[in-house]
Amino acid sequence: MTSTAVEMPEKNPRGIPRAPFITNVEEYLGSDPNPEIALREFQAALSKYRYMDHNLSQRRRTLEEKIPDIKKTLNMVEFLQERREGKRKASSEDGLSDDDDLEDEVTETQEKKPIKTTFELNDTLWAEAELDETDTVYLWLGANVMLSYKIPAAIALLQSKLEATEASLATIVEDLEYLREQITIMEVNTARVYNWDVKWRRELREREAKSSGS
């Protein structure tokens, strides 16, 4: 039975290069070793990996802050839809068709009062508001953009955005784990080459001392 070595991919799915693991320093440096060049290359690679790690960590924090906000907004819009559907169901059970004007034909005891809620103006300031019956919500999309959506369309948009954000977060977490593995490999490579360099220079000095003394 013959076994074949499994070649590791040179990059991960997002194109981040894999760090080479040096098993034999002398073989890696070649017949005319120059450890200083190798160490400079390792430090350059480490700087790039750490830069990517820093950027992805920032993106991870941003997404982790976004997800609760999206979930909170989605829960609120779903609540408005459930409330509206519950009101429509109660009206139809009383003999009203979907085309009837609910505000005119539902009695005061059947009609639900406006929702009283509070909303945040800034970190320390909240205001009270009443939400009237509506089939439209306004979603803040960022970059000074707010659009109105019918409730079903808003729910579909928020669910899609939540799924995309969670998928992006999972990808970033995977890339961060991959990057930290490459950083560890490069730190080990640096230590191995540095230690080899120290030993090599000591041996050179010993040989020079013997040749000068003979």
N, C-alpha and C. Protein backbone atom coordinates (compact mmCIF):
# COMPACT_ATOMS: atom_id res chain seq x y z
N MET A 1 0.85 -1.20 0.00
CA MET A 1 0.00 0.00 0.00
C MET A 1 0.88 1.25 0.00
N THR A 2 0.59 2.15 -0.87
CA THR A 2 1.34 3.40 -0.94
C THR A 2 0.46 4.53 -0.46
N SER A 3 1.06 5.46 0.26
CA SER A 3 0.31 6.60 0.77
C SER A 3 0.79 7.86 0.07
N THR A 4 -0.13 8.74 -0.22
CA THR A 4 0.21 10.00 -0.86
C THR A 4 -0.02 11.13 0.12
N ALA A 5 0.87 12.10 0.11
CA ALA A 5 0.74 13.24 1.02
C ALA A 5 -0.38 14.15 0.53
N VAL A 6 -1.19 14.61 1.46
CA VAL A 6 -2.27 15.52 1.13
C VAL A 6 -1.72 16.95 1.12
N GLU A 7 -1.82 17.61 -0.02
CA GLU A 7 -1.32 18.97 -0.13
C GLU A 7 -2.33 19.95 0.44
N MET A 8 -1.86 20.80 1.33
CA MET A 8 -2.73 21.81 1.92
C MET A 8 -2.91 22.95 0.92
N PRO A 9 -4.09 23.53 0.83
CA PRO A 9 -4.29 24.66 -0.08
C PRO A 9 -3.41 25.83 0.32
N GLU A 10 -2.93 26.59 -0.68
CA GLU A 10 -2.05 27.72 -0.41
C GLU A 10 -2.80 28.91 0.16
N LYS A 11 -4.12 28.95 -0.04
CA LYS A 11 -4.93 30.05 0.46
C LYS A 11 -6.23 29.49 1.03
N ASN A 12 -6.86 30.28 1.89
CA ASN A 12 -8.18 29.88 2.37
C ASN A 12 -9.24 30.39 1.37
N PRO A 13 -10.52 30.06 1.54
CA PRO A 13 -11.53 30.48 0.55
C PRO A 13 -11.60 31.98 0.32
N ARG A 14 -11.15 32.81 1.25
CA ARG A 14 -11.17 34.27 1.07
C ARG A 14 -9.84 34.80 0.54
N GLY A 15 -8.93 33.89 0.16
CA GLY A 15 -7.68 34.31 -0.46
C GLY A 15 -6.57 34.67 0.49
N ILE A 16 -6.70 34.34 1.78
CA ILE A 16 -5.63 34.64 2.74
C ILE A 16 -4.56 33.55 2.60
N PRO A 17 -3.31 33.91 2.31
CA PRO A 17 -2.27 32.90 2.07
C PRO A 17 -1.93 32.11 3.32
N ARG A 18 -1.60 30.85 3.09
CA ARG A 18 -1.18 29.99 4.20
C ARG A 18 0.30 30.18 4.49
N ALA A 19 0.64 30.24 5.75
CA ALA A 19 2.04 30.40 6.14
C ALA A 19 2.77 29.07 6.01
N PRO A 20 3.99 29.07 5.44
CA PRO A 20 4.76 27.81 5.35
C PRO A 20 5.32 27.45 6.72
N PHE A 21 5.28 26.17 7.05
CA PHE A 21 5.86 25.73 8.31
C PHE A 21 7.24 25.14 8.02
N ILE A 22 8.27 25.70 8.63
CA ILE A 22 9.64 25.28 8.37
C ILE A 22 10.00 24.14 9.31
N THR A 23 10.21 22.98 8.73
CA THR A 23 10.61 21.82 9.54
C THR A 23 12.12 21.70 9.63
N ASN A 24 12.83 22.14 8.57
CA ASN A 24 14.29 22.05 8.55
C ASN A 24 14.83 23.42 8.16
N VAL A 25 15.35 24.15 9.14
CA VAL A 25 15.81 25.52 8.90
C VAL A 25 16.99 25.55 7.93
N GLU A 26 17.93 24.64 8.13
CA GLU A 26 19.12 24.63 7.28
C GLU A 26 18.75 24.38 5.83
N GLU A 27 17.83 23.47 5.61
CA GLU A 27 17.39 23.18 4.24
C GLU A 27 16.64 24.37 3.66
N TYR A 28 15.85 25.05 4.49
CA TYR A 28 15.08 26.20 4.03
C TYR A 28 16.01 27.35 3.62
N LEU A 29 17.07 27.59 4.40
CA LEU A 29 17.96 28.72 4.12
C LEU A 29 18.91 28.43 2.96
N GLY A 30 19.16 27.15 2.68
CA GLY A 30 19.99 26.80 1.54
C GLY A 30 21.47 26.77 1.86
N SER A 31 22.27 26.59 0.80
CA SER A 31 23.71 26.43 0.97
C SER A 31 24.41 27.73 1.35
N ASP A 32 23.83 28.86 1.02
CA ASP A 32 24.40 30.17 1.39
C ASP A 32 23.41 30.89 2.30
N PRO A 33 23.33 30.47 3.55
CA PRO A 33 22.27 30.97 4.43
C PRO A 33 22.41 32.45 4.75
N ASN A 34 21.28 33.12 4.77
CA ASN A 34 21.22 34.52 5.21
C ASN A 34 20.00 34.67 6.11
N PRO A 35 20.16 34.30 7.38
CA PRO A 35 19.01 34.33 8.30
C PRO A 35 18.36 35.70 8.42
N GLU A 36 19.12 36.78 8.28
CA GLU A 36 18.55 38.11 8.45
C GLU A 36 17.47 38.39 7.40
N ILE A 37 17.72 37.96 6.14
CA ILE A 37 16.72 38.16 5.09
C ILE A 37 15.46 37.38 5.42
N ALA A 38 15.65 36.11 5.86
CA ALA A 38 14.50 35.28 6.20
C ALA A 38 13.70 35.90 7.35
N LEU A 39 14.40 36.41 8.36
CA LEU A 39 13.71 37.02 9.50
C LEU A 39 12.95 38.28 9.09
N ARG A 40 13.51 39.07 8.19
CA ARG A 40 12.80 40.26 7.70
C ARG A 40 11.54 39.86 6.95
N GLU A 41 11.65 38.81 6.14
CA GLU A 41 10.47 38.33 5.40
C GLU A 41 9.40 37.83 6.36
N PHE A 42 9.82 37.14 7.40
CA PHE A 42 8.85 36.63 8.39
C PHE A 42 8.16 37.79 9.11
N GLN A 43 8.93 38.83 9.45
CA GLN A 43 8.33 39.97 10.13
C GLN A 43 7.35 40.71 9.23
N ALA A 44 7.68 40.79 7.93
CA ALA A 44 6.76 41.42 6.98
C ALA A 44 5.47 40.62 6.88
N ALA A 45 5.59 39.28 6.81
CA ALA A 45 4.41 38.44 6.73
C ALA A 45 3.58 38.55 8.01
N LEU A 46 4.25 38.58 9.17
CA LEU A 46 3.55 38.72 10.43
C LEU A 46 2.79 40.04 10.49
N SER A 47 3.40 41.11 10.00
CA SER A 47 2.73 42.41 10.00
C SER A 47 1.46 42.37 9.16
N LYS A 48 1.51 41.70 8.02
CA LYS A 48 0.33 41.61 7.15
C LYS A 48 -0.76 40.79 7.84
N TYR A 49 -0.38 39.66 8.43
CA TYR A 49 -1.37 38.83 9.11
C TYR A 49 -2.02 39.59 10.28
N ARG A 50 -1.20 40.32 11.03
CA ARG A 50 -1.74 41.06 12.18
C ARG A 50 -2.63 42.21 11.73
N TYR A 51 -2.28 42.82 10.60
CA TYR A 51 -3.12 43.89 10.05
C TYR A 51 -4.48 43.34 9.64
N MET A 52 -4.48 42.19 8.97
CA MET A 52 -5.75 41.57 8.59
C MET A 52 -6.55 41.15 9.82
N ASP A 53 -5.85 40.64 10.82
CA ASP A 53 -6.51 40.23 12.06
C ASP A 53 -7.18 41.44 12.73
N HIS A 54 -6.48 42.57 12.73
CA HIS A 54 -7.03 43.79 13.35
C HIS A 54 -8.29 44.24 12.61
N ASN A 55 -8.23 44.28 11.27
CA ASN A 55 -9.38 44.73 10.48
C ASN A 55 -10.57 43.80 10.65
N LEU A 56 -10.32 42.49 10.61
CA LEU A 56 -11.42 41.54 10.75
C LEU A 56 -12.01 41.58 12.15
N SER A 57 -11.17 41.82 13.15
CA SER A 57 -11.69 41.93 14.53
C SER A 57 -12.62 43.12 14.66
N GLN A 58 -12.28 44.23 14.00
CA GLN A 58 -13.16 45.40 14.02
C GLN A 58 -14.49 45.09 13.32
N ARG A 59 -14.41 44.42 12.17
CA ARG A 59 -15.64 44.05 11.45
C ARG A 59 -16.48 43.09 12.27
N ARG A 60 -15.83 42.19 12.99
CA ARG A 60 -16.56 41.25 13.84
C ARG A 60 -17.33 42.00 14.92
N ARG A 61 -16.69 42.98 15.57
CA ARG A 61 -17.37 43.75 16.60
C ARG A 61 -18.56 44.52 16.02
N THR A 62 -18.38 45.08 14.82
CA THR A 62 -19.46 45.82 14.18
C THR A 62 -20.66 44.92 13.91
N LEU A 63 -20.40 43.72 13.37
CA LEU A 63 -21.49 42.79 13.07
C LEU A 63 -22.16 42.29 14.35
N GLU A 64 -21.36 42.05 15.37
CA GLU A 64 -21.93 41.58 16.65
C GLU A 64 -22.83 42.65 17.27
N GLU A 65 -22.56 43.91 16.98
CA GLU A 65 -23.44 44.98 17.46
C GLU A 65 -24.68 45.10 16.58
N LYS A 66 -24.54 44.82 15.29
CA LYS A 66 -25.67 44.96 14.36
C LYS A 66 -26.73 43.88 14.58
N ILE A 67 -26.31 42.66 14.83
CA ILE A 67 -27.25 41.54 14.87
C ILE A 67 -28.35 41.74 15.92
N PRO A 68 -28.03 42.14 17.16
CA PRO A 68 -29.11 42.38 18.12
C PRO A 68 -30.08 43.47 17.68
N ASP A 69 -29.56 44.52 17.02
CA ASP A 69 -30.43 45.59 16.53
C ASP A 69 -31.38 45.09 15.45
N ILE A 70 -30.85 44.27 14.53
CA ILE A 70 -31.71 43.71 13.47
C ILE A 70 -32.77 42.81 14.08
N LYS A 71 -32.37 41.97 15.04
CA LYS A 71 -33.33 41.07 15.68
C LYS A 71 -34.42 41.86 16.41
N LYS A 72 -34.01 42.93 17.08
CA LYS A 72 -34.98 43.75 17.82
C LYS A 72 -35.98 44.39 16.85
N THR A 73 -35.47 44.92 15.73
CA THR A 73 -36.35 45.53 14.73
C THR A 73 -37.28 44.49 14.12
N LEU A 74 -36.74 43.32 13.80
CA LEU A 74 -37.56 42.25 13.22
C LEU A 74 -38.65 41.82 14.18
N ASN A 75 -38.31 41.67 15.46
CA ASN A 75 -39.31 41.28 16.45
C ASN A 75 -40.44 42.31 16.54
N MET A 76 -40.08 43.59 16.46
CA MET A 76 -41.09 44.64 16.54
C MET A 76 -42.02 44.62 15.34
N VAL A 77 -41.44 44.46 14.14
CA VAL A 77 -42.28 44.43 12.93
C VAL A 77 -43.17 43.20 12.93
N GLU A 78 -42.64 42.06 13.37
CA GLU A 78 -43.46 40.84 13.46
C GLU A 78 -44.59 41.03 14.48
N PHE A 79 -44.30 41.75 15.57
CA PHE A 79 -45.35 42.03 16.56
C PHE A 79 -46.47 42.87 15.94
N LEU A 80 -46.08 43.88 15.14
CA LEU A 80 -47.09 44.71 14.49
C LEU A 80 -47.94 43.88 13.52
N GLN A 81 -47.29 42.96 12.82
CA GLN A 81 -48.04 42.10 11.90
C GLN A 81 -49.00 41.18 12.66
N GLU A 82 -48.50 40.57 13.75
CA GLU A 82 -49.36 39.68 14.55
C GLU A 82 -50.53 40.45 15.13
N ARG A 83 -50.29 41.66 15.60
CA ARG A 83 -51.36 42.48 16.16
C ARG A 83 -52.40 42.82 15.10
N ARG A 84 -51.91 43.15 13.91
CA ARG A 84 -52.82 43.50 12.82
C ARG A 84 -53.63 42.29 12.36
N GLU A 85 -52.97 41.13 12.27
CA GLU A 85 -53.67 39.91 11.87
C GLU A 85 -54.67 39.49 12.93
N GLY A 86 -54.30 39.66 14.22
CA GLY A 86 -55.24 39.31 15.29
C GLY A 86 -56.46 40.18 15.27
N LYS A 87 -56.29 41.47 14.95
CA LYS A 87 -57.41 42.40 14.86
C LYS A 87 -58.31 42.04 13.69
N ARG A 88 -57.67 41.68 12.54
CA ARG A 88 -58.45 41.31 11.37
C ARG A 88 -59.25 40.03 11.63
N LYS A 89 -58.63 39.08 12.37
CA LYS A 89 -59.31 37.83 12.67
C LYS A 89 -60.51 38.08 13.59
N ALA A 90 -60.32 38.94 14.59
CA ALA A 90 -61.42 39.25 15.49
C ALA A 90 -62.57 39.92 14.75
N SER A 91 -62.24 40.76 13.78
CA SER A 91 -63.27 41.45 13.02
C SER A 91 -64.04 40.48 12.14
N SER A 92 -63.34 39.53 11.49
CA SER A 92 -64.02 38.58 10.61
C SER A 92 -64.91 37.64 11.41
N GLU A 93 -64.51 37.34 12.66
CA GLU A 93 -65.35 36.47 13.49
C GLU A 93 -66.65 37.17 13.87
N ASP A 94 -66.65 38.50 13.86
CA ASP A 94 -67.85 39.26 14.16
C ASP A 94 -68.66 39.57 12.91
N GLY A 95 -68.33 38.93 11.80
CA GLY A 95 -69.12 39.08 10.58
C GLY A 95 -68.66 40.18 9.67
N LEU A 96 -67.44 40.72 9.85
CA LEU A 96 -66.94 41.78 8.99
C LEU A 96 -66.06 41.18 7.91
N SER A 97 -66.16 41.67 6.70
CA SER A 97 -65.33 41.21 5.60
C SER A 97 -64.01 41.95 5.63
N ASP A 98 -63.02 41.44 4.87
CA ASP A 98 -61.72 42.09 4.82
C ASP A 98 -61.81 43.46 4.19
N ASP A 99 -62.85 43.72 3.40
CA ASP A 99 -62.96 45.01 2.71
C ASP A 99 -63.62 46.08 3.57
N ASP A 100 -64.17 45.67 4.71
CA ASP A 100 -64.83 46.66 5.56
C ASP A 100 -63.81 47.59 6.18
N ASP A 101 -64.26 48.83 6.45
CA ASP A 101 -63.40 49.79 7.12
C ASP A 101 -63.40 49.48 8.60
N LEU A 102 -62.24 49.01 9.12
CA LEU A 102 -62.19 48.56 10.52
C LEU A 102 -62.47 49.69 11.49
N GLU A 103 -61.96 50.86 11.19
CA GLU A 103 -62.11 51.96 12.14
C GLU A 103 -63.57 52.40 12.27
N ASP A 104 -64.37 52.20 11.23
CA ASP A 104 -65.76 52.62 11.26
C ASP A 104 -66.68 51.55 11.83
N GLU A 105 -66.37 50.26 11.62
CA GLU A 105 -67.31 49.20 11.91
C GLU A 105 -66.97 48.36 13.14
N VAL A 106 -65.73 48.46 13.63
CA VAL A 106 -65.40 47.72 14.84
C VAL A 106 -65.76 48.58 16.05
N THR A 107 -66.43 48.01 17.01
CA THR A 107 -66.85 48.77 18.17
C THR A 107 -65.66 49.15 19.03
N GLU A 108 -65.85 50.10 19.93
CA GLU A 108 -64.75 50.58 20.75
C GLU A 108 -64.18 49.48 21.63
N THR A 109 -65.03 48.54 22.05
CA THR A 109 -64.53 47.45 22.90
C THR A 109 -63.71 46.46 22.09
N GLN A 110 -64.03 46.34 20.79
CA GLN A 110 -63.30 45.41 19.94
C GLN A 110 -62.01 46.05 19.41
N GLU A 111 -62.05 47.37 19.19
CA GLU A 111 -60.91 48.04 18.59
C GLU A 111 -59.79 48.18 19.61
N LYS A 112 -58.59 47.82 19.20
CA LYS A 112 -57.46 47.90 20.10
C LYS A 112 -56.95 49.33 20.17
N LYS A 113 -56.52 49.70 21.35
CA LYS A 113 -55.99 51.03 21.55
C LYS A 113 -54.59 51.15 20.92
N PRO A 114 -54.15 52.37 20.59
CA PRO A 114 -52.79 52.55 20.06
C PRO A 114 -51.75 52.00 21.04
N ILE A 115 -50.66 51.53 20.50
CA ILE A 115 -49.58 50.99 21.32
C ILE A 115 -48.77 52.13 21.90
N LYS A 116 -48.58 52.10 23.20
CA LYS A 116 -47.71 53.09 23.84
C LYS A 116 -46.31 52.48 23.99
N THR A 117 -45.33 53.20 23.54
CA THR A 117 -43.97 52.68 23.58
C THR A 117 -42.99 53.82 23.81
N THR A 118 -41.75 53.47 24.05
CA THR A 118 -40.68 54.46 24.17
C THR A 118 -39.63 54.16 23.11
N PHE A 119 -38.97 55.19 22.66
CA PHE A 119 -37.90 55.00 21.69
C PHE A 119 -36.71 55.87 22.07
N GLU A 120 -35.53 55.41 21.65
CA GLU A 120 -34.28 56.04 22.06
C GLU A 120 -33.91 57.18 21.11
N LEU A 121 -33.68 58.35 21.68
CA LEU A 121 -33.19 59.48 20.89
C LEU A 121 -31.67 59.52 20.88
N ASN A 122 -31.07 59.25 22.03
CA ASN A 122 -29.63 59.04 22.11
C ASN A 122 -29.35 58.15 23.31
N ASP A 123 -28.09 58.05 23.71
CA ASP A 123 -27.73 57.08 24.76
C ASP A 123 -28.44 57.33 26.08
N THR A 124 -28.81 58.56 26.39
CA THR A 124 -29.39 58.87 27.70
C THR A 124 -30.78 59.49 27.61
N LEU A 125 -31.34 59.59 26.41
CA LEU A 125 -32.62 60.28 26.25
C LEU A 125 -33.62 59.40 25.50
N TRP A 126 -34.77 59.18 26.13
CA TRP A 126 -35.84 58.38 25.54
C TRP A 126 -37.11 59.23 25.47
N ALA A 127 -37.96 58.90 24.51
CA ALA A 127 -39.23 59.62 24.34
C ALA A 127 -40.37 58.61 24.25
N GLU A 128 -41.57 59.07 24.62
CA GLU A 128 -42.75 58.21 24.58
C GLU A 128 -43.54 58.51 23.31
N ALA A 129 -44.13 57.47 22.74
CA ALA A 129 -44.91 57.63 21.51
C ALA A 129 -46.06 56.65 21.50
N GLU A 130 -47.07 56.95 20.67
CA GLU A 130 -48.20 56.06 20.44
C GLU A 130 -48.17 55.62 18.98
N LEU A 131 -48.31 54.30 18.77
CA LEU A 131 -48.30 53.75 17.42
C LEU A 131 -49.73 53.45 17.00
N ASP A 132 -50.20 54.15 15.98
CA ASP A 132 -51.54 53.89 15.45
C ASP A 132 -51.52 52.68 14.54
N GLU A 133 -52.71 52.20 14.23
CA GLU A 133 -52.87 51.08 13.30
C GLU A 133 -52.26 51.45 11.95
N THR A 134 -51.37 50.57 11.45
CA THR A 134 -50.71 50.86 10.17
C THR A 134 -50.28 49.57 9.50
N ASP A 135 -50.17 49.62 8.18
CA ASP A 135 -49.64 48.48 7.44
C ASP A 135 -48.27 48.82 6.84
N THR A 136 -47.71 49.94 7.29
CA THR A 136 -46.43 50.43 6.74
C THR A 136 -45.47 50.75 7.87
N VAL A 137 -44.22 50.40 7.67
CA VAL A 137 -43.17 50.76 8.64
C VAL A 137 -42.04 51.44 7.88
N TYR A 138 -41.24 52.18 8.63
CA TYR A 138 -40.08 52.87 8.04
C TYR A 138 -38.81 52.26 8.61
N LEU A 139 -37.94 51.83 7.72
CA LEU A 139 -36.70 51.19 8.14
C LEU A 139 -35.51 52.10 7.83
N TRP A 140 -34.65 52.25 8.83
CA TRP A 140 -33.44 53.04 8.66
C TRP A 140 -32.38 52.15 8.02
N LEU A 141 -31.94 52.50 6.83
CA LEU A 141 -30.99 51.69 6.08
C LEU A 141 -29.56 52.19 6.21
N GLY A 142 -29.35 53.28 6.94
CA GLY A 142 -28.02 53.85 7.10
C GLY A 142 -27.71 54.84 6.01
N ALA A 143 -26.60 55.53 6.16
CA ALA A 143 -26.15 56.54 5.19
C ALA A 143 -27.24 57.58 4.93
N ASN A 144 -27.94 57.98 6.02
CA ASN A 144 -29.00 58.99 5.93
C ASN A 144 -30.14 58.57 5.00
N VAL A 145 -30.42 57.27 4.97
CA VAL A 145 -31.49 56.75 4.10
C VAL A 145 -32.52 56.02 4.96
N MET A 146 -33.78 56.40 4.80
CA MET A 146 -34.89 55.70 5.45
C MET A 146 -35.98 55.48 4.39
N LEU A 147 -36.48 54.24 4.31
CA LEU A 147 -37.50 53.91 3.31
C LEU A 147 -38.70 53.28 3.99
N SER A 148 -39.86 53.47 3.38
CA SER A 148 -41.09 52.87 3.89
C SER A 148 -41.32 51.53 3.21
N TYR A 149 -41.82 50.58 3.99
CA TYR A 149 -42.10 49.24 3.48
C TYR A 149 -43.44 48.78 4.04
N LYS A 150 -44.18 48.01 3.25
CA LYS A 150 -45.30 47.28 3.80
C LYS A 150 -44.75 46.24 4.78
N ILE A 151 -45.54 45.92 5.78
CA ILE A 151 -45.03 45.07 6.86
C ILE A 151 -44.48 43.73 6.35
N PRO A 152 -45.18 42.99 5.46
CA PRO A 152 -44.61 41.72 4.98
C PRO A 152 -43.27 41.92 4.27
N ALA A 153 -43.16 42.99 3.46
CA ALA A 153 -41.90 43.25 2.76
C ALA A 153 -40.80 43.61 3.75
N ALA A 154 -41.15 44.34 4.81
CA ALA A 154 -40.16 44.70 5.82
C ALA A 154 -39.65 43.46 6.54
N ILE A 155 -40.56 42.54 6.85
CA ILE A 155 -40.15 41.31 7.53
C ILE A 155 -39.22 40.50 6.64
N ALA A 156 -39.57 40.38 5.35
CA ALA A 156 -38.72 39.63 4.43
C ALA A 156 -37.34 40.27 4.31
N LEU A 157 -37.29 41.60 4.25
CA LEU A 157 -36.01 42.31 4.14
C LEU A 157 -35.16 42.10 5.38
N LEU A 158 -35.79 42.24 6.55
CA LEU A 158 -35.04 42.10 7.80
C LEU A 158 -34.54 40.68 8.00
N GLN A 159 -35.37 39.68 7.64
CA GLN A 159 -34.93 38.29 7.76
C GLN A 159 -33.75 38.02 6.83
N SER A 160 -33.82 38.56 5.62
CA SER A 160 -32.72 38.37 4.67
C SER A 160 -31.44 39.05 5.18
N LYS A 161 -31.61 40.26 5.73
CA LYS A 161 -30.46 41.00 6.25
C LYS A 161 -29.85 40.28 7.45
N LEU A 162 -30.70 39.73 8.31
CA LEU A 162 -30.21 39.01 9.48
C LEU A 162 -29.42 37.77 9.05
N GLU A 163 -29.95 37.01 8.10
CA GLU A 163 -29.25 35.82 7.62
C GLU A 163 -27.91 36.18 7.00
N ALA A 164 -27.89 37.25 6.19
CA ALA A 164 -26.63 37.67 5.55
C ALA A 164 -25.62 38.13 6.58
N THR A 165 -26.07 38.86 7.59
CA THR A 165 -25.16 39.37 8.61
C THR A 165 -24.59 38.22 9.45
N GLU A 166 -25.43 37.27 9.82
CA GLU A 166 -24.96 36.12 10.59
C GLU A 166 -23.99 35.27 9.77
N ALA A 167 -24.25 35.14 8.46
CA ALA A 167 -23.33 34.39 7.59
C ALA A 167 -21.99 35.11 7.49
N SER A 168 -22.02 36.44 7.37
CA SER A 168 -20.79 37.22 7.30
C SER A 168 -20.00 37.08 8.60
N LEU A 169 -20.70 37.10 9.72
CA LEU A 169 -20.03 36.96 11.01
C LEU A 169 -19.36 35.59 11.13
N ALA A 170 -20.06 34.54 10.70
CA ALA A 170 -19.49 33.19 10.76
C ALA A 170 -18.23 33.10 9.89
N THR A 171 -18.26 33.73 8.73
CA THR A 171 -17.09 33.73 7.84
C THR A 171 -15.92 34.47 8.47
N ILE A 172 -16.20 35.60 9.10
CA ILE A 172 -15.14 36.38 9.73
C ILE A 172 -14.52 35.62 10.91
N VAL A 173 -15.37 34.96 11.69
CA VAL A 173 -14.86 34.16 12.81
C VAL A 173 -13.94 33.05 12.29
N GLU A 174 -14.35 32.43 11.19
CA GLU A 174 -13.53 31.37 10.58
C GLU A 174 -12.19 31.94 10.10
N ASP A 175 -12.23 33.12 9.46
CA ASP A 175 -11.00 33.75 8.97
C ASP A 175 -10.08 34.16 10.12
N LEU A 176 -10.67 34.63 11.21
CA LEU A 176 -9.86 35.03 12.37
C LEU A 176 -9.13 33.82 12.97
N GLU A 177 -9.83 32.70 13.06
CA GLU A 177 -9.18 31.49 13.57
C GLU A 177 -8.05 31.05 12.65
N TYR A 178 -8.30 31.13 11.34
CA TYR A 178 -7.28 30.78 10.36
C TYR A 178 -6.08 31.73 10.47
N LEU A 179 -6.34 33.03 10.58
CA LEU A 179 -5.26 34.01 10.68
C LEU A 179 -4.41 33.78 11.93
N ARG A 180 -5.06 33.50 13.04
CA ARG A 180 -4.29 33.31 14.28
C ARG A 180 -3.44 32.05 14.21
N GLU A 181 -3.91 31.07 13.46
CA GLU A 181 -3.08 29.89 13.23
C GLU A 181 -1.84 30.25 12.41
N GLN A 182 -2.03 31.09 11.37
CA GLN A 182 -0.89 31.50 10.53
C GLN A 182 0.08 32.38 11.32
N ILE A 183 -0.45 33.22 12.18
CA ILE A 183 0.41 34.06 13.02
C ILE A 183 1.27 33.19 13.93
N THR A 184 0.66 32.17 14.53
CA THR A 184 1.41 31.26 15.39
C THR A 184 2.51 30.54 14.62
N ILE A 185 2.18 30.08 13.40
CA ILE A 185 3.17 29.39 12.58
C ILE A 185 4.35 30.31 12.27
N MET A 186 4.06 31.57 11.89
CA MET A 186 5.14 32.50 11.56
C MET A 186 5.96 32.85 12.79
N GLU A 187 5.34 32.92 13.96
CA GLU A 187 6.10 33.19 15.19
C GLU A 187 7.02 32.02 15.50
N VAL A 188 6.53 30.80 15.28
CA VAL A 188 7.37 29.61 15.49
C VAL A 188 8.51 29.60 14.48
N ASN A 189 8.22 29.90 13.21
CA ASN A 189 9.27 29.97 12.19
C ASN A 189 10.34 30.99 12.57
N THR A 190 9.90 32.16 13.05
CA THR A 190 10.84 33.20 13.45
C THR A 190 11.75 32.72 14.57
N ALA A 191 11.15 32.07 15.57
CA ALA A 191 11.95 31.57 16.69
C ALA A 191 12.93 30.50 16.25
N ARG A 192 12.51 29.61 15.35
CA ARG A 192 13.39 28.53 14.89
C ARG A 192 14.58 29.09 14.10
N VAL A 193 14.30 30.05 13.19
CA VAL A 193 15.38 30.63 12.40
C VAL A 193 16.31 31.45 13.30
N TYR A 194 15.75 32.19 14.25
CA TYR A 194 16.58 32.99 15.15
C TYR A 194 17.50 32.08 15.97
N ASN A 195 16.95 31.01 16.52
CA ASN A 195 17.76 30.09 17.32
C ASN A 195 18.84 29.42 16.46
N TRP A 196 18.46 29.06 15.23
CA TRP A 196 19.44 28.46 14.33
C TRP A 196 20.56 29.46 14.03
N ASP A 197 20.19 30.73 13.84
CA ASP A 197 21.17 31.77 13.54
C ASP A 197 22.15 31.94 14.70
N VAL A 198 21.62 31.94 15.93
CA VAL A 198 22.49 32.07 17.11
C VAL A 198 23.48 30.91 17.17
N LYS A 199 22.99 29.70 16.96
CA LYS A 199 23.86 28.52 17.00
C LYS A 199 24.88 28.55 15.86
N TRP A 200 24.42 28.94 14.67
CA TRP A 200 25.30 28.99 13.49
C TRP A 200 26.43 30.00 13.68
N ARG A 201 26.11 31.16 14.21
CA ARG A 201 27.13 32.19 14.43
C ARG A 201 28.13 31.74 15.50
N ARG A 202 27.64 31.05 16.52
CA ARG A 202 28.55 30.57 17.56
C ARG A 202 29.53 29.54 16.99
N GLU A 203 29.00 28.65 16.14
CA GLU A 203 29.85 27.65 15.52
C GLU A 203 30.87 28.30 14.59
N LEU A 204 30.45 29.36 13.88
CA LEU A 204 31.40 30.07 13.02
C LEU A 204 32.53 30.67 13.84
N ARG A 205 32.18 31.29 14.96
CA ARG A 205 33.21 31.90 15.80
C ARG A 205 34.18 30.84 16.35
N GLU A 206 33.63 29.67 16.73
CA GLU A 206 34.47 28.59 17.25
C GLU A 206 35.42 28.08 16.19
N ARG A 207 34.94 27.94 14.95
CA ARG A 207 35.80 27.46 13.87
C ARG A 207 36.89 28.48 13.55
N GLU A 208 36.49 29.76 13.56
CA GLU A 208 37.48 30.80 13.30
C GLU A 208 38.54 30.86 14.40
N ALA A 209 38.10 30.64 15.66
CA ALA A 209 39.06 30.64 16.77
C ALA A 209 40.02 29.47 16.65
N LYS A 210 39.52 28.30 16.23
CA LYS A 210 40.42 27.13 16.09
C LYS A 210 41.40 27.33 14.95
N SER A 211 40.89 27.89 13.84
CA SER A 211 41.78 28.06 12.69
C SER A 211 42.84 29.13 12.96
N SER A 212 42.49 30.15 13.73
CA SER A 212 43.49 31.18 14.04
C SER A 212 44.49 30.72 15.07
N GLY A 213 44.08 29.75 15.92
CA GLY A 213 44.99 29.25 16.96
C GLY A 213 45.89 28.15 16.45
N SER A 214 45.57 27.54 15.32
CA SER A 214 46.38 26.43 14.83
C SER A 214 47.55 26.94 13.98
